[in-house]
N, C-alpha and C. Protein backbone atom coordinates (compact mmCIF):
# COMPACT_ATOMS: atom_id res chain seq x y z
N MET A 1 0.85 -1.19 0.00
CA MET A 1 0.00 0.00 0.00
C MET A 1 0.89 1.25 0.00
N ILE A 2 0.67 2.13 -0.95
CA ILE A 2 1.48 3.34 -1.09
C ILE A 2 0.89 4.45 -0.22
N PHE A 3 1.77 5.07 0.58
CA PHE A 3 1.33 6.17 1.45
C PHE A 3 1.50 7.50 0.72
N HIS A 4 0.45 8.29 0.68
CA HIS A 4 0.49 9.61 0.05
C HIS A 4 0.34 10.67 1.15
N PRO A 5 1.39 11.43 1.43
CA PRO A 5 1.27 12.48 2.45
C PRO A 5 0.13 13.44 2.11
N PRO A 6 -0.64 13.86 3.11
CA PRO A 6 -1.83 14.67 2.84
C PRO A 6 -1.54 16.10 2.39
N PHE A 7 -0.38 16.67 2.76
CA PHE A 7 -0.08 18.05 2.40
C PHE A 7 0.94 18.08 1.27
N ARG A 8 0.64 18.85 0.22
CA ARG A 8 1.57 18.95 -0.90
C ARG A 8 2.87 19.64 -0.47
N ASP A 9 2.73 20.76 0.24
CA ASP A 9 3.88 21.49 0.77
C ASP A 9 3.36 22.40 1.88
N ARG A 10 4.21 23.26 2.40
CA ARG A 10 3.80 24.11 3.52
C ARG A 10 2.74 25.13 3.11
N TYR A 11 2.80 25.59 1.89
CA TYR A 11 1.78 26.55 1.42
C TYR A 11 0.41 25.89 1.35
N ASP A 12 0.36 24.68 0.82
CA ASP A 12 -0.89 23.94 0.77
C ASP A 12 -1.43 23.72 2.19
N ALA A 13 -0.55 23.33 3.10
CA ALA A 13 -0.97 23.11 4.49
C ALA A 13 -1.50 24.40 5.11
N GLY A 14 -0.85 25.53 4.80
CA GLY A 14 -1.30 26.81 5.33
C GLY A 14 -2.67 27.21 4.83
N ARG A 15 -2.92 26.96 3.55
CA ARG A 15 -4.24 27.29 3.00
C ARG A 15 -5.33 26.45 3.65
N ARG A 16 -5.03 25.17 3.88
CA ARG A 16 -6.03 24.31 4.53
C ARG A 16 -6.23 24.70 6.00
N LEU A 17 -5.14 25.02 6.66
CA LEU A 17 -5.24 25.44 8.06
C LEU A 17 -6.05 26.72 8.19
N ALA A 18 -5.89 27.63 7.25
CA ALA A 18 -6.62 28.90 7.30
C ALA A 18 -8.13 28.69 7.29
N GLN A 19 -8.58 27.64 6.64
CA GLN A 19 -10.03 27.39 6.58
C GLN A 19 -10.61 27.09 7.96
N ARG A 20 -9.76 26.60 8.86
CA ARG A 20 -10.21 26.31 10.22
C ARG A 20 -10.12 27.54 11.12
N LEU A 21 -9.61 28.63 10.58
CA LEU A 21 -9.38 29.83 11.38
C LEU A 21 -10.17 31.03 10.88
N MET A 22 -11.14 30.79 10.01
CA MET A 22 -11.84 31.90 9.37
C MET A 22 -12.67 32.75 10.32
N SER A 23 -12.92 32.26 11.52
CA SER A 23 -13.63 33.08 12.51
C SER A 23 -12.78 34.28 12.94
N TYR A 24 -11.47 34.26 12.61
CA TYR A 24 -10.59 35.37 12.95
C TYR A 24 -10.39 36.31 11.77
N ALA A 25 -11.01 36.05 10.64
CA ALA A 25 -10.79 36.84 9.43
C ALA A 25 -11.34 38.25 9.58
N GLY A 26 -10.60 39.21 9.03
CA GLY A 26 -11.06 40.59 8.96
C GLY A 26 -11.07 41.34 10.28
N ARG A 27 -10.45 40.79 11.31
CA ARG A 27 -10.43 41.44 12.62
C ARG A 27 -9.16 42.26 12.79
N SER A 28 -9.31 43.48 13.27
CA SER A 28 -8.16 44.37 13.41
C SER A 28 -7.26 43.99 14.59
N ASP A 29 -7.75 43.14 15.48
CA ASP A 29 -6.96 42.78 16.67
C ASP A 29 -6.16 41.49 16.47
N VAL A 30 -6.19 40.90 15.28
CA VAL A 30 -5.54 39.61 15.05
C VAL A 30 -4.16 39.83 14.42
N LEU A 31 -3.18 39.09 14.93
CA LEU A 31 -1.82 39.11 14.42
C LEU A 31 -1.36 37.66 14.26
N VAL A 32 -0.75 37.35 13.12
CA VAL A 32 -0.19 36.01 12.89
C VAL A 32 1.32 36.08 13.10
N LEU A 33 1.82 35.26 14.01
CA LEU A 33 3.25 35.14 14.24
C LEU A 33 3.68 33.72 13.89
N ALA A 34 4.63 33.61 12.96
CA ALA A 34 5.10 32.30 12.51
C ALA A 34 6.46 32.00 13.11
N LEU A 35 6.71 30.72 13.36
CA LEU A 35 8.01 30.29 13.86
C LEU A 35 8.92 29.97 12.67
N PRO A 36 10.02 30.73 12.54
CA PRO A 36 10.96 30.45 11.42
C PRO A 36 11.71 29.15 11.67
N ARG A 37 12.11 28.48 10.60
CA ARG A 37 11.82 28.98 9.26
C ARG A 37 10.57 28.31 8.67
N GLY A 38 10.39 27.02 9.01
CA GLY A 38 9.33 26.26 8.34
C GLY A 38 7.92 26.75 8.58
N GLY A 39 7.70 27.47 9.67
CA GLY A 39 6.36 27.96 9.95
C GLY A 39 5.96 29.16 9.12
N VAL A 40 6.94 29.82 8.48
CA VAL A 40 6.63 31.08 7.79
C VAL A 40 5.79 30.87 6.53
N PRO A 41 6.08 29.89 5.65
CA PRO A 41 5.17 29.67 4.52
C PRO A 41 3.75 29.31 4.96
N VAL A 42 3.63 28.52 6.02
CA VAL A 42 2.31 28.19 6.55
C VAL A 42 1.63 29.46 7.06
N GLY A 43 2.36 30.23 7.86
CA GLY A 43 1.81 31.46 8.41
C GLY A 43 1.46 32.49 7.36
N TYR A 44 2.25 32.53 6.30
CA TYR A 44 1.96 33.47 5.21
C TYR A 44 0.57 33.22 4.63
N GLU A 45 0.26 31.96 4.38
CA GLU A 45 -1.05 31.63 3.80
C GLU A 45 -2.17 31.88 4.80
N VAL A 46 -1.92 31.62 6.07
CA VAL A 46 -2.93 31.89 7.09
C VAL A 46 -3.21 33.39 7.17
N ALA A 47 -2.14 34.19 7.25
CA ALA A 47 -2.30 35.64 7.35
C ALA A 47 -2.99 36.21 6.12
N ARG A 48 -2.62 35.69 4.95
CA ARG A 48 -3.22 36.18 3.70
C ARG A 48 -4.73 35.90 3.68
N ALA A 49 -5.11 34.70 4.10
CA ALA A 49 -6.53 34.34 4.09
C ALA A 49 -7.34 35.14 5.11
N LEU A 50 -6.71 35.45 6.24
CA LEU A 50 -7.43 36.17 7.30
C LEU A 50 -7.37 37.68 7.14
N GLY A 51 -6.51 38.16 6.22
CA GLY A 51 -6.32 39.60 6.09
C GLY A 51 -5.63 40.18 7.31
N ALA A 52 -4.70 39.41 7.88
CA ALA A 52 -4.03 39.80 9.13
C ALA A 52 -2.55 40.07 8.87
N PRO A 53 -1.93 40.89 9.70
CA PRO A 53 -0.48 41.10 9.59
C PRO A 53 0.29 39.82 9.91
N LEU A 54 1.47 39.69 9.31
CA LEU A 54 2.34 38.54 9.54
C LEU A 54 3.69 39.01 10.06
N ASP A 55 4.19 38.34 11.08
CA ASP A 55 5.56 38.58 11.53
C ASP A 55 6.10 37.25 12.06
N VAL A 56 7.31 37.29 12.61
CA VAL A 56 7.93 36.08 13.12
C VAL A 56 8.18 36.19 14.61
N LEU A 57 8.16 35.05 15.27
CA LEU A 57 8.63 34.92 16.64
C LEU A 57 9.77 33.91 16.58
N VAL A 58 10.99 34.41 16.79
CA VAL A 58 12.17 33.57 16.57
C VAL A 58 12.39 32.66 17.77
N VAL A 59 12.48 31.37 17.51
CA VAL A 59 12.71 30.35 18.53
C VAL A 59 13.81 29.44 18.00
N ARG A 60 14.68 28.99 18.90
CA ARG A 60 15.74 28.07 18.50
C ARG A 60 15.71 26.81 19.36
N LYS A 61 15.74 25.68 18.70
CA LYS A 61 15.83 24.41 19.41
C LYS A 61 17.20 24.25 20.04
N LEU A 62 17.25 23.69 21.23
CA LEU A 62 18.51 23.32 21.86
C LEU A 62 18.72 21.83 21.61
N GLY A 63 19.59 21.52 20.66
CA GLY A 63 19.81 20.13 20.29
C GLY A 63 20.81 19.46 21.20
N VAL A 64 20.63 18.16 21.43
CA VAL A 64 21.58 17.38 22.23
C VAL A 64 22.88 17.26 21.44
N PRO A 65 24.02 17.64 22.02
CA PRO A 65 25.30 17.55 21.30
C PRO A 65 25.54 16.14 20.76
N GLY A 66 25.86 16.07 19.48
CA GLY A 66 26.05 14.78 18.83
C GLY A 66 24.79 14.18 18.29
N HIS A 67 23.65 14.68 18.73
CA HIS A 67 22.33 14.21 18.26
C HIS A 67 21.43 15.43 18.15
N GLU A 68 21.87 16.40 17.33
CA GLU A 68 21.23 17.71 17.31
C GLU A 68 19.76 17.69 16.92
N GLU A 69 19.33 16.63 16.22
CA GLU A 69 17.92 16.55 15.84
C GLU A 69 17.02 16.30 17.05
N LEU A 70 17.60 15.83 18.16
CA LEU A 70 16.85 15.56 19.39
C LEU A 70 16.88 16.81 20.27
N ALA A 71 15.71 17.36 20.56
CA ALA A 71 15.63 18.59 21.34
C ALA A 71 15.72 18.30 22.84
N MET A 72 16.59 19.05 23.51
CA MET A 72 16.60 18.99 24.97
C MET A 72 15.99 20.26 25.56
N GLY A 73 15.52 21.15 24.66
CA GLY A 73 14.88 22.37 25.08
C GLY A 73 14.82 23.37 23.93
N ALA A 74 14.50 24.62 24.26
CA ALA A 74 14.40 25.66 23.25
C ALA A 74 14.54 27.02 23.92
N ILE A 75 14.94 28.01 23.13
CA ILE A 75 14.97 29.40 23.60
C ILE A 75 14.14 30.25 22.65
N ALA A 76 13.70 31.40 23.17
CA ALA A 76 12.89 32.31 22.35
C ALA A 76 13.20 33.74 22.73
N THR A 77 12.78 34.65 21.87
CA THR A 77 12.91 36.08 22.13
C THR A 77 12.39 36.42 23.52
N GLY A 78 13.13 37.26 24.22
CA GLY A 78 12.71 37.66 25.55
C GLY A 78 13.44 36.93 26.66
N GLY A 79 14.50 36.18 26.31
CA GLY A 79 15.29 35.49 27.31
C GLY A 79 14.64 34.24 27.87
N ILE A 80 13.69 33.68 27.15
CA ILE A 80 12.99 32.47 27.60
C ILE A 80 13.80 31.24 27.24
N ARG A 81 13.98 30.32 28.21
CA ARG A 81 14.57 29.02 27.92
C ARG A 81 13.69 27.94 28.55
N VAL A 82 13.33 26.96 27.74
CA VAL A 82 12.55 25.82 28.19
C VAL A 82 13.42 24.58 28.04
N THR A 83 13.51 23.76 29.07
CA THR A 83 14.25 22.50 28.96
C THR A 83 13.27 21.33 28.95
N TYR A 84 13.60 20.35 28.13
CA TYR A 84 12.79 19.15 28.01
C TYR A 84 13.32 18.16 29.05
N ASP A 85 12.76 18.22 30.25
CA ASP A 85 13.33 17.53 31.41
C ASP A 85 13.50 16.03 31.20
N GLU A 86 12.57 15.43 30.50
CA GLU A 86 12.66 13.98 30.29
C GLU A 86 13.94 13.61 29.55
N VAL A 87 14.27 14.40 28.51
CA VAL A 87 15.49 14.14 27.73
C VAL A 87 16.73 14.45 28.56
N VAL A 88 16.72 15.59 29.24
CA VAL A 88 17.88 16.00 30.04
C VAL A 88 18.21 14.96 31.10
N HIS A 89 17.19 14.49 31.81
CA HIS A 89 17.42 13.54 32.89
C HIS A 89 17.81 12.16 32.36
N GLU A 90 17.13 11.73 31.30
CA GLU A 90 17.41 10.40 30.77
C GLU A 90 18.83 10.29 30.24
N LEU A 91 19.33 11.36 29.60
CA LEU A 91 20.67 11.34 29.02
C LEU A 91 21.73 11.88 29.97
N GLY A 92 21.31 12.38 31.12
CA GLY A 92 22.26 12.91 32.09
C GLY A 92 23.05 14.10 31.58
N ILE A 93 22.38 15.00 30.90
CA ILE A 93 23.05 16.16 30.31
C ILE A 93 23.35 17.19 31.40
N PRO A 94 24.62 17.54 31.59
CA PRO A 94 24.97 18.49 32.66
C PRO A 94 24.57 19.92 32.30
N GLN A 95 24.42 20.74 33.33
CA GLN A 95 23.97 22.12 33.16
C GLN A 95 24.92 22.92 32.27
N GLU A 96 26.23 22.67 32.40
CA GLU A 96 27.18 23.46 31.61
C GLU A 96 27.04 23.18 30.11
N VAL A 97 26.62 21.98 29.75
CA VAL A 97 26.39 21.66 28.34
C VAL A 97 25.15 22.41 27.84
N ILE A 98 24.11 22.41 28.66
CA ILE A 98 22.89 23.15 28.28
C ILE A 98 23.20 24.63 28.11
N ASP A 99 24.02 25.18 29.02
CA ASP A 99 24.37 26.60 28.96
C ASP A 99 25.19 26.91 27.71
N ALA A 100 26.11 26.01 27.35
CA ALA A 100 26.95 26.23 26.17
C ALA A 100 26.12 26.22 24.89
N VAL A 101 25.21 25.26 24.79
CA VAL A 101 24.34 25.18 23.61
C VAL A 101 23.42 26.40 23.57
N THR A 102 22.94 26.82 24.73
CA THR A 102 22.09 28.01 24.80
C THR A 102 22.81 29.25 24.28
N ALA A 103 24.05 29.44 24.69
CA ALA A 103 24.82 30.62 24.25
C ALA A 103 25.00 30.62 22.74
N ARG A 104 25.30 29.46 22.16
CA ARG A 104 25.47 29.37 20.72
C ARG A 104 24.17 29.68 19.98
N GLU A 105 23.08 29.09 20.46
CA GLU A 105 21.80 29.31 19.79
C GLU A 105 21.28 30.72 20.00
N GLN A 106 21.65 31.35 21.12
CA GLN A 106 21.25 32.74 21.34
C GLN A 106 21.87 33.66 20.29
N ARG A 107 23.11 33.40 19.92
CA ARG A 107 23.75 34.20 18.87
C ARG A 107 23.01 34.03 17.54
N GLU A 108 22.60 32.80 17.24
CA GLU A 108 21.87 32.56 16.00
C GLU A 108 20.49 33.19 16.04
N LEU A 109 19.86 33.15 17.21
CA LEU A 109 18.54 33.78 17.36
C LEU A 109 18.62 35.27 17.06
N LEU A 110 19.62 35.95 17.60
CA LEU A 110 19.78 37.38 17.35
C LEU A 110 20.08 37.66 15.88
N ARG A 111 20.91 36.81 15.27
CA ARG A 111 21.23 36.99 13.86
C ARG A 111 19.97 36.91 13.01
N ARG A 112 19.13 35.92 13.30
CA ARG A 112 17.92 35.74 12.50
C ARG A 112 16.94 36.88 12.70
N GLU A 113 16.81 37.34 13.93
CA GLU A 113 15.90 38.47 14.17
C GLU A 113 16.30 39.67 13.33
N GLN A 114 17.60 39.96 13.27
CA GLN A 114 18.08 41.09 12.50
C GLN A 114 17.92 40.86 10.99
N ALA A 115 18.17 39.62 10.57
CA ALA A 115 18.11 39.32 9.13
C ALA A 115 16.69 39.34 8.59
N TYR A 116 15.75 38.80 9.33
CA TYR A 116 14.40 38.62 8.81
C TYR A 116 13.62 39.92 8.71
N ARG A 117 13.85 40.83 9.64
CA ARG A 117 12.98 42.01 9.71
C ARG A 117 13.42 43.14 8.81
N ASP A 118 14.66 43.12 8.31
CA ASP A 118 15.13 44.18 7.43
C ASP A 118 14.89 45.56 8.03
N GLY A 119 15.13 45.68 9.32
CA GLY A 119 14.98 46.97 9.97
C GLY A 119 13.58 47.27 10.47
N ARG A 120 12.61 46.43 10.13
CA ARG A 120 11.26 46.64 10.63
C ARG A 120 11.22 46.36 12.13
N PRO A 121 10.49 47.17 12.91
CA PRO A 121 10.44 46.93 14.36
C PRO A 121 9.62 45.69 14.67
N PRO A 122 9.86 45.07 15.82
CA PRO A 122 9.03 43.93 16.23
C PRO A 122 7.57 44.37 16.37
N PRO A 123 6.64 43.45 16.15
CA PRO A 123 5.22 43.82 16.24
C PRO A 123 4.79 44.08 17.67
N GLN A 124 3.80 44.93 17.83
CA GLN A 124 3.20 45.17 19.14
C GLN A 124 2.08 44.15 19.36
N VAL A 125 2.21 43.35 20.40
CA VAL A 125 1.24 42.27 20.61
C VAL A 125 0.32 42.52 21.79
N ARG A 126 0.60 43.54 22.58
CA ARG A 126 -0.24 43.79 23.75
C ARG A 126 -1.70 43.97 23.35
N GLY A 127 -2.58 43.21 23.98
CA GLY A 127 -4.01 43.31 23.72
C GLY A 127 -4.48 42.64 22.44
N LYS A 128 -3.56 42.02 21.69
CA LYS A 128 -3.92 41.39 20.42
C LYS A 128 -4.27 39.91 20.61
N THR A 129 -5.04 39.39 19.67
CA THR A 129 -5.23 37.95 19.56
C THR A 129 -4.15 37.45 18.60
N VAL A 130 -3.22 36.67 19.13
CA VAL A 130 -2.07 36.23 18.35
C VAL A 130 -2.25 34.77 17.97
N ILE A 131 -2.12 34.50 16.67
CA ILE A 131 -2.15 33.13 16.16
C ILE A 131 -0.71 32.71 15.90
N LEU A 132 -0.23 31.77 16.70
CA LEU A 132 1.13 31.25 16.59
C LEU A 132 1.13 30.06 15.65
N VAL A 133 1.92 30.13 14.59
CA VAL A 133 1.87 29.13 13.53
C VAL A 133 3.23 28.45 13.34
N ASP A 134 3.21 27.12 13.17
CA ASP A 134 4.39 26.39 12.75
C ASP A 134 3.94 25.32 11.76
N ASP A 135 4.91 24.60 11.16
CA ASP A 135 4.53 23.58 10.18
C ASP A 135 4.17 22.26 10.84
N GLY A 136 4.34 22.16 12.16
CA GLY A 136 3.95 20.95 12.87
C GLY A 136 4.49 20.95 14.28
N LEU A 137 3.91 20.09 15.12
CA LEU A 137 4.38 19.92 16.49
C LEU A 137 4.86 18.48 16.67
N ALA A 138 6.10 18.35 17.11
CA ALA A 138 6.61 17.01 17.44
C ALA A 138 6.54 16.84 18.95
N THR A 139 7.52 17.37 19.69
CA THR A 139 7.46 17.31 21.15
C THR A 139 6.64 18.46 21.74
N GLY A 140 6.53 19.57 21.02
CA GLY A 140 5.84 20.75 21.53
C GLY A 140 6.74 21.69 22.31
N THR A 141 8.02 21.32 22.50
CA THR A 141 8.92 22.13 23.31
C THR A 141 9.18 23.50 22.70
N THR A 142 9.42 23.55 21.40
CA THR A 142 9.71 24.82 20.74
C THR A 142 8.50 25.75 20.81
N MET A 143 7.33 25.22 20.56
CA MET A 143 6.12 26.04 20.62
C MET A 143 5.86 26.50 22.05
N ARG A 144 6.21 25.67 23.02
CA ARG A 144 6.04 26.06 24.42
C ARG A 144 6.93 27.26 24.75
N ALA A 145 8.17 27.24 24.27
CA ALA A 145 9.06 28.38 24.48
C ALA A 145 8.50 29.63 23.82
N ALA A 146 7.96 29.47 22.62
CA ALA A 146 7.37 30.61 21.91
C ALA A 146 6.20 31.19 22.68
N ALA A 147 5.34 30.32 23.19
CA ALA A 147 4.16 30.79 23.93
C ALA A 147 4.57 31.50 25.22
N MET A 148 5.58 30.99 25.90
CA MET A 148 6.05 31.64 27.13
C MET A 148 6.63 33.02 26.85
N ALA A 149 7.41 33.12 25.76
CA ALA A 149 7.97 34.41 25.38
C ALA A 149 6.87 35.39 25.03
N LEU A 150 5.89 34.92 24.31
CA LEU A 150 4.80 35.79 23.87
C LEU A 150 3.94 36.24 25.03
N ARG A 151 3.69 35.35 25.99
CA ARG A 151 2.83 35.68 27.13
C ARG A 151 3.40 36.85 27.92
N GLN A 152 4.72 37.01 27.92
CA GLN A 152 5.36 38.13 28.63
C GLN A 152 4.98 39.48 28.04
N GLN A 153 4.49 39.48 26.80
CA GLN A 153 4.16 40.72 26.11
C GLN A 153 2.68 41.06 26.20
N ALA A 154 1.94 40.33 27.02
CA ALA A 154 0.55 40.64 27.37
C ALA A 154 -0.42 40.67 26.19
N PRO A 155 -0.43 39.63 25.33
CA PRO A 155 -1.49 39.55 24.33
C PRO A 155 -2.82 39.22 24.99
N ALA A 156 -3.92 39.52 24.32
CA ALA A 156 -5.23 39.17 24.86
C ALA A 156 -5.45 37.66 24.83
N ARG A 157 -5.08 37.04 23.71
CA ARG A 157 -5.25 35.59 23.56
C ARG A 157 -4.12 35.05 22.71
N ILE A 158 -3.74 33.79 22.95
CA ILE A 158 -2.77 33.09 22.11
C ILE A 158 -3.44 31.82 21.59
N ILE A 159 -3.48 31.71 20.26
CA ILE A 159 -4.01 30.52 19.60
C ILE A 159 -2.87 29.86 18.83
N VAL A 160 -2.58 28.62 19.13
CA VAL A 160 -1.58 27.87 18.38
C VAL A 160 -2.27 27.15 17.22
N ALA A 161 -1.71 27.29 16.02
CA ALA A 161 -2.31 26.66 14.84
C ALA A 161 -1.22 25.95 14.05
N VAL A 162 -1.37 24.65 13.86
CA VAL A 162 -0.41 23.84 13.10
C VAL A 162 -1.16 22.83 12.25
N PRO A 163 -0.63 22.49 11.07
CA PRO A 163 -1.30 21.50 10.24
C PRO A 163 -1.31 20.10 10.86
N VAL A 164 -0.21 19.72 11.53
CA VAL A 164 -0.09 18.35 12.05
C VAL A 164 0.62 18.38 13.40
N ALA A 165 0.16 17.52 14.32
CA ALA A 165 0.76 17.47 15.65
C ALA A 165 0.82 16.03 16.12
N ALA A 166 1.88 15.70 16.83
CA ALA A 166 1.97 14.39 17.45
C ALA A 166 0.93 14.29 18.56
N PRO A 167 0.26 13.18 18.66
CA PRO A 167 -0.70 13.01 19.76
C PRO A 167 -0.01 13.25 21.10
N GLY A 168 -0.61 14.06 21.91
CA GLY A 168 -0.03 14.36 23.21
C GLY A 168 0.86 15.57 23.23
N SER A 169 1.34 16.03 22.06
CA SER A 169 2.24 17.19 22.06
C SER A 169 1.55 18.46 22.52
N THR A 170 0.26 18.54 22.30
CA THR A 170 -0.46 19.75 22.71
C THR A 170 -0.57 19.86 24.23
N ARG A 171 -0.32 18.76 24.95
CA ARG A 171 -0.34 18.84 26.41
C ARG A 171 0.75 19.75 26.94
N GLN A 172 1.83 19.91 26.15
CA GLN A 172 2.91 20.82 26.53
C GLN A 172 2.40 22.26 26.65
N LEU A 173 1.27 22.54 26.01
CA LEU A 173 0.79 23.92 25.90
C LEU A 173 -0.32 24.26 26.89
N VAL A 174 -0.76 23.27 27.66
CA VAL A 174 -1.85 23.49 28.60
C VAL A 174 -1.45 24.57 29.61
N GLY A 175 -2.32 25.56 29.76
CA GLY A 175 -2.05 26.64 30.69
C GLY A 175 -1.25 27.78 30.11
N LEU A 176 -0.67 27.58 28.93
CA LEU A 176 0.14 28.62 28.30
C LEU A 176 -0.61 29.33 27.18
N VAL A 177 -1.51 28.63 26.51
CA VAL A 177 -2.23 29.20 25.38
C VAL A 177 -3.74 29.05 25.60
N ASP A 178 -4.49 29.77 24.78
CA ASP A 178 -5.95 29.79 24.94
C ASP A 178 -6.68 28.85 24.00
N GLY A 179 -5.95 28.27 23.06
CA GLY A 179 -6.58 27.33 22.14
C GLY A 179 -5.54 26.75 21.20
N VAL A 180 -5.82 25.55 20.71
CA VAL A 180 -4.95 24.88 19.75
C VAL A 180 -5.79 24.38 18.59
N VAL A 181 -5.36 24.69 17.37
CA VAL A 181 -6.05 24.24 16.16
C VAL A 181 -5.09 23.36 15.36
N THR A 182 -5.48 22.12 15.10
CA THR A 182 -4.67 21.23 14.27
C THR A 182 -5.58 20.54 13.27
N LEU A 183 -5.01 20.17 12.13
CA LEU A 183 -5.77 19.42 11.13
C LEU A 183 -5.61 17.92 11.31
N LEU A 184 -4.42 17.50 11.74
CA LEU A 184 -4.14 16.07 11.90
C LEU A 184 -3.39 15.84 13.21
N GLN A 185 -3.75 14.74 13.90
CA GLN A 185 -2.97 14.24 15.02
C GLN A 185 -2.81 12.73 14.82
N PRO A 186 -1.99 12.35 13.85
CA PRO A 186 -1.92 10.94 13.44
C PRO A 186 -1.18 10.06 14.45
N GLU A 187 -1.55 8.80 14.49
CA GLU A 187 -0.90 7.80 15.33
C GLU A 187 -0.68 6.54 14.50
N PRO A 188 0.58 6.09 14.32
CA PRO A 188 1.81 6.67 14.85
C PRO A 188 2.20 7.94 14.10
N PHE A 189 3.03 8.75 14.73
CA PHE A 189 3.36 10.07 14.20
C PHE A 189 4.65 10.05 13.37
N TYR A 190 5.72 9.52 13.90
CA TYR A 190 7.05 9.42 13.28
C TYR A 190 7.77 10.77 13.18
N GLY A 191 7.19 11.75 12.51
CA GLY A 191 7.85 13.05 12.37
C GLY A 191 7.02 13.97 11.50
N VAL A 192 7.23 15.29 11.65
CA VAL A 192 6.44 16.27 10.92
C VAL A 192 6.58 16.08 9.41
N GLY A 193 7.81 15.88 8.94
CA GLY A 193 8.06 15.82 7.50
C GLY A 193 7.36 14.69 6.79
N LEU A 194 6.98 13.64 7.50
CA LEU A 194 6.32 12.49 6.88
C LEU A 194 4.99 12.88 6.25
N TRP A 195 4.37 13.92 6.75
CA TRP A 195 3.01 14.29 6.34
C TRP A 195 3.00 15.32 5.21
N TYR A 196 4.19 15.64 4.68
CA TYR A 196 4.33 16.56 3.56
C TYR A 196 4.97 15.85 2.37
N GLN A 197 4.41 16.07 1.18
CA GLN A 197 5.05 15.54 -0.03
C GLN A 197 6.37 16.26 -0.29
N ASP A 198 6.38 17.57 -0.06
CA ASP A 198 7.59 18.38 -0.24
C ASP A 198 7.88 19.06 1.09
N PHE A 199 8.95 18.61 1.77
CA PHE A 199 9.32 19.19 3.06
C PHE A 199 10.72 19.79 2.97
N THR A 200 11.01 20.37 1.81
CA THR A 200 12.30 21.02 1.59
C THR A 200 12.51 22.12 2.63
N GLN A 201 13.72 22.21 3.15
CA GLN A 201 14.01 23.21 4.18
C GLN A 201 13.74 24.62 3.66
N THR A 202 13.05 25.42 4.44
CA THR A 202 12.80 26.81 4.10
C THR A 202 14.07 27.62 4.33
N SER A 203 14.44 28.45 3.36
CA SER A 203 15.67 29.23 3.46
C SER A 203 15.41 30.58 4.13
N ASP A 204 16.49 31.20 4.61
CA ASP A 204 16.39 32.56 5.14
C ASP A 204 15.86 33.52 4.09
N GLU A 205 16.28 33.33 2.84
CA GLU A 205 15.83 34.21 1.75
C GLU A 205 14.32 34.10 1.54
N GLU A 206 13.80 32.88 1.64
CA GLU A 206 12.35 32.69 1.47
C GLU A 206 11.59 33.36 2.61
N VAL A 207 12.11 33.24 3.83
CA VAL A 207 11.48 33.90 4.97
C VAL A 207 11.43 35.40 4.77
N ARG A 208 12.56 35.99 4.37
CA ARG A 208 12.62 37.44 4.17
C ARG A 208 11.66 37.87 3.06
N ALA A 209 11.61 37.10 1.98
CA ALA A 209 10.73 37.45 0.86
C ALA A 209 9.26 37.41 1.27
N LEU A 210 8.88 36.38 2.03
CA LEU A 210 7.48 36.26 2.45
C LEU A 210 7.09 37.37 3.42
N LEU A 211 7.98 37.72 4.34
CA LEU A 211 7.68 38.81 5.27
C LEU A 211 7.57 40.14 4.54
N ALA A 212 8.45 40.36 3.57
CA ALA A 212 8.39 41.60 2.79
C ALA A 212 7.10 41.67 1.97
N ARG A 213 6.72 40.53 1.38
CA ARG A 213 5.49 40.49 0.59
C ARG A 213 4.26 40.74 1.48
N ALA A 214 4.28 40.15 2.68
CA ALA A 214 3.16 40.33 3.60
C ALA A 214 3.05 41.78 4.08
N ALA A 215 4.20 42.46 4.17
CA ALA A 215 4.21 43.84 4.64
C ALA A 215 3.88 44.86 3.57
N ALA A 216 3.79 44.41 2.31
CA ALA A 216 3.51 45.33 1.20
C ALA A 216 2.11 45.91 1.36
N PRO A 217 1.88 47.13 0.84
CA PRO A 217 0.59 47.81 1.01
C PRO A 217 -0.61 47.01 0.55
N ASP A 218 -0.44 46.21 -0.51
CA ASP A 218 -1.58 45.46 -1.06
C ASP A 218 -1.58 44.02 -0.58
N ALA A 219 -0.85 43.72 0.51
CA ALA A 219 -0.69 42.33 0.96
C ALA A 219 -1.99 41.68 1.39
N LYS A 220 -2.96 42.49 1.82
CA LYS A 220 -4.19 41.90 2.32
C LYS A 220 -5.22 41.62 1.25
N THR A 221 -4.87 41.95 0.02
CA THR A 221 -5.78 41.66 -1.08
C THR A 221 -5.68 40.19 -1.46
N VAL A 222 -6.76 39.45 -1.29
CA VAL A 222 -6.76 38.01 -1.54
C VAL A 222 -7.37 37.72 -2.90
């Protein structure tokens, strides 16, 4: 039996996800924040469909040294660091290793913030309904860091929206966000990329281009 991933690419997933979020369309208090890099194409389509502004909330995974694809935590704008305690304890990762990885990823986080915005100031989120978008949730750790960073800026509501999530990953967000919207929570999950026909890595250039296009005067014309 041949398996056909349900999403053609991140843009297709974003358009489908937007259909589940149309109750937020046309509202002046709504802001879409995407997690770079893979969340930006998804967020672009969501923001375009809702007629909402698009920006980024930069978050960096803290990978286990030697096994960087495995997250032991994440950092986000605002000095937020979340550790994935189960991984840290199981692998016996010392605090100095976590601190060293954090320092390295903090430098990359600052670089990306400067590169993506092209001098545009960060968005004002106080009192806004913020839709946090990524291309999927695996452990939920990165999105948890994003939500914690965002909550410090006093938005009215935080809604997490992703095309696909691992069953149970949304439990990481309980108490941090006001709602979660997903299209799929498949079991077994395996990984986010399995559910996309094209899961090519999103480049910095693509992120910058999408943010610039979203910021253009006619960006809300659908």
